[in-house]
Amino acid sequence: MKRIEVRLSLPVVRPLLDVIKGLVDDLHSAPAARVGSPDPDAEFSDVWTRDLVAAQSSDVEMLLSIFGEDFHTDGIVFFDQTNAEAIARSCSAVRLRVREKYLKDLSDESLEAGEVDLAKLDEGVRKAFTCYLFLATIQELIIQHLDESIIGF
């Protein structure tokens, strides 16, 4: 089984985790992507949305679990076949919500290129942008270093 272990700087990552944790309640109550149900039936739509939110919540909890007690002791997180797919999905969900809540004044082009003048951002937006990039980096690590068969893409 392939496994990626990454050592992170605790003082750098802790404030980013605060951004993620600040979005957890919202991600437990509504889908990150505002999409309509594939079926116009209201009852089906409600069930579909609840299932989507439940899966999203589970994924976000998996992401947070890699930053548990062991992380706060040694600064190491790991990705393998047991968590990679859920973590990649949860990174997307959190990034969507960070984009919507904190980064709405920045263009998609500048966000994706990372071409943002951090000095011009207030502290909260700067921290959110850094979190956005951090989660993108996690996704890239998973995609680049784990087998397709592990993450199911």
Protein backbone atom coordinates (compact mmCIF):
# COMPACT_ATOMS: atom_id res chain seq x y z
CA MET A 1 0.00 0.00 0.00
CA LYS A 2 1.37 3.37 -1.03
CA ARG A 3 1.50 5.99 1.70
CA ILE A 4 2.52 9.64 1.65
CA GLU A 5 3.82 11.18 4.85
CA VAL A 6 4.28 14.94 4.99
CA ARG A 7 5.87 16.91 7.81
CA LEU A 8 4.25 20.30 8.23
CA SER A 9 5.12 23.31 10.31
CA LEU A 10 2.74 23.42 13.26
CA PRO A 11 2.87 27.22 13.67
CA VAL A 12 2.05 27.70 9.98
CA VAL A 13 -0.72 25.10 9.74
CA ARG A 14 -2.59 25.77 13.00
CA PRO A 15 -4.09 29.11 11.81
CA LEU A 16 -5.15 27.42 8.57
CA LEU A 17 -6.94 24.75 10.54
CA ASP A 18 -8.84 27.55 12.28
CA VAL A 19 -10.17 28.63 8.87
CA ILE A 20 -11.27 25.07 8.09
CA LYS A 21 -12.83 24.53 11.51
CA GLY A 22 -14.69 27.83 11.14
CA LEU A 23 -16.46 26.40 8.09
CA VAL A 24 -17.32 22.96 9.49
CA ASP A 25 -20.82 23.81 10.74
CA ASP A 26 -21.70 25.31 7.38
CA LEU A 27 -20.31 22.28 5.53
CA HIS A 28 -22.34 19.99 7.81
CA SER A 29 -25.54 21.81 6.87
CA ALA A 30 -25.32 22.64 3.15
CA PRO A 31 -23.52 21.30 0.07
CA ALA A 32 -20.35 23.22 -0.80
CA ALA A 33 -21.42 23.35 -4.43
CA ARG A 34 -24.78 24.94 -4.99
CA VAL A 35 -26.26 22.48 -7.44
CA GLY A 36 -29.79 21.41 -8.04
CA SER A 37 -31.09 17.92 -7.60
CA PRO A 38 -31.03 15.67 -10.66
CA ASP A 39 -34.75 15.08 -10.07
CA PRO A 40 -37.38 17.84 -9.87
CA ASP A 41 -39.38 15.87 -7.25
CA ALA A 42 -39.11 17.85 -3.98
CA GLU A 43 -38.98 14.79 -1.72
CA PHE A 44 -36.26 13.18 -3.80
CA SER A 45 -34.38 16.47 -3.89
CA ASP A 46 -34.44 16.73 -0.08
CA VAL A 47 -33.15 13.17 0.33
CA TRP A 48 -30.49 13.74 -2.32
CA THR A 49 -29.32 16.94 -0.61
CA ARG A 50 -29.24 15.27 2.83
CA ASP A 51 -27.19 12.38 1.44
CA LEU A 52 -24.83 14.80 -0.29
CA VAL A 53 -24.33 16.79 2.93
CA ALA A 54 -23.82 13.59 4.95
CA ALA A 55 -21.10 12.40 2.56
CA GLN A 56 -19.51 15.85 2.56
CA SER A 57 -19.57 15.94 6.37
CA SER A 58 -17.89 12.54 6.55
CA ASP A 59 -15.20 13.70 4.12
CA VAL A 60 -14.55 16.88 6.11
CA GLU A 61 -14.24 14.86 9.31
CA MET A 62 -11.69 12.64 7.55
CA LEU A 63 -9.69 15.73 6.58
CA LEU A 64 -9.76 17.05 10.14
CA SER A 65 -8.77 13.63 11.50
CA ILE A 66 -5.35 13.79 9.84
CA PHE A 67 -4.70 16.90 11.95
CA GLY A 68 -5.43 15.09 15.20
CA GLU A 69 -3.31 14.46 18.27
CA ASP A 70 -0.46 12.80 16.36
CA PHE A 71 -0.17 15.80 14.05
CA HIS A 72 0.04 18.17 17.01
CA THR A 73 2.82 15.99 18.45
CA ASP A 74 5.04 15.38 15.42
CA GLY A 75 3.64 17.60 12.64
CA ILE A 76 3.18 14.66 10.28
CA VAL A 77 0.08 13.91 8.20
CA PHE A 78 -0.35 10.93 5.93
CA PHE A 79 -2.44 9.97 2.94
CA ASP A 80 -3.12 6.44 1.76
CA GLN A 81 -5.89 4.35 0.21
CA THR A 82 -8.00 4.62 3.36
CA ASN A 83 -8.28 8.40 3.35
CA ALA A 84 -6.99 9.90 0.09
CA GLU A 85 -10.23 10.06 -1.87
CA ALA A 86 -12.24 11.53 1.02
CA ILE A 87 -9.51 14.07 1.77
CA ALA A 88 -9.29 15.16 -1.87
CA ARG A 89 -13.08 15.65 -1.98
CA SER A 90 -13.15 17.50 1.34
CA CYS A 91 -10.36 19.81 0.20
CA SER A 92 -12.56 20.71 -2.77
CA ALA A 93 -15.56 21.34 -0.54
CA VAL A 94 -13.61 23.51 1.88
CA ARG A 95 -11.93 25.42 -0.96
CA LEU A 96 -15.32 26.14 -2.52
CA ARG A 97 -16.62 27.47 0.78
CA VAL A 98 -13.44 29.51 1.43
CA ARG A 99 -13.80 30.97 -2.06
CA GLU A 100 -17.44 31.85 -1.49
CA LYS A 101 -17.03 33.26 2.02
CA TYR A 102 -13.63 34.97 2.06
CA LEU A 103 -12.24 35.27 -1.45
CA LYS A 104 -15.21 36.48 -3.48
CA ASP A 105 -13.43 39.74 -4.38
CA LEU A 106 -10.57 37.87 -6.06
CA SER A 107 -10.82 36.65 -9.64
CA ASP A 108 -10.78 32.94 -10.42
CA GLU A 109 -7.74 33.49 -12.65
CA SER A 110 -5.67 35.13 -9.90
CA LEU A 111 -6.70 32.48 -7.37
CA GLU A 112 -5.83 29.53 -9.56
CA ALA A 113 -2.54 31.09 -10.65
CA GLY A 114 -1.72 32.09 -7.07
CA GLU A 115 -1.11 35.61 -8.32
CA VAL A 116 -2.44 37.53 -5.36
CA ASP A 117 -0.61 40.38 -3.64
CA LEU A 118 -0.76 39.18 -0.04
CA ALA A 119 0.38 42.56 1.27
CA LYS A 120 -2.82 44.14 -0.05
CA LEU A 121 -5.10 41.67 1.77
CA ASP A 122 -6.32 42.09 5.31
CA GLU A 123 -5.21 39.41 7.76
CA GLY A 124 -8.42 37.33 7.60
CA VAL A 125 -8.45 37.20 3.81
CA ARG A 126 -4.71 36.49 3.74
CA LYS A 127 -5.19 33.53 6.10
CA ALA A 128 -8.13 32.26 4.02
CA PHE A 129 -6.11 32.56 0.80
CA THR A 130 -3.21 30.69 2.38
CA CYS A 131 -5.64 27.98 3.49
CA TYR A 132 -7.03 27.82 -0.06
CA LEU A 133 -3.51 27.25 -1.43
CA PHE A 134 -2.66 24.77 1.33
CA LEU A 135 -5.68 22.63 0.48
CA ALA A 136 -4.83 22.81 -3.23
CA THR A 137 -1.35 21.55 -2.40
CA ILE A 138 -2.80 18.62 -0.45
CA GLN A 139 -4.97 17.74 -3.44
CA GLU A 140 -1.96 17.93 -5.76
CA LEU A 141 0.09 15.67 -3.48
CA ILE A 142 -2.65 13.08 -3.46
CA ILE A 143 -3.16 13.20 -7.21
CA GLN A 144 0.53 13.20 -8.11
CA HIS A 145 1.81 10.60 -5.69
CA LEU A 146 -0.88 8.04 -5.18
CA ASP A 147 -1.83 5.40 -7.70
CA GLU A 148 -5.01 5.90 -9.73
CA SER A 149 -6.25 2.62 -8.29
CA ILE A 150 -5.99 4.00 -4.75
CA ILE A 151 -8.00 7.17 -5.25
CA GLY A 152 -10.40 5.81 -7.83
CA PHE A 153 -10.03 8.55 -10.46
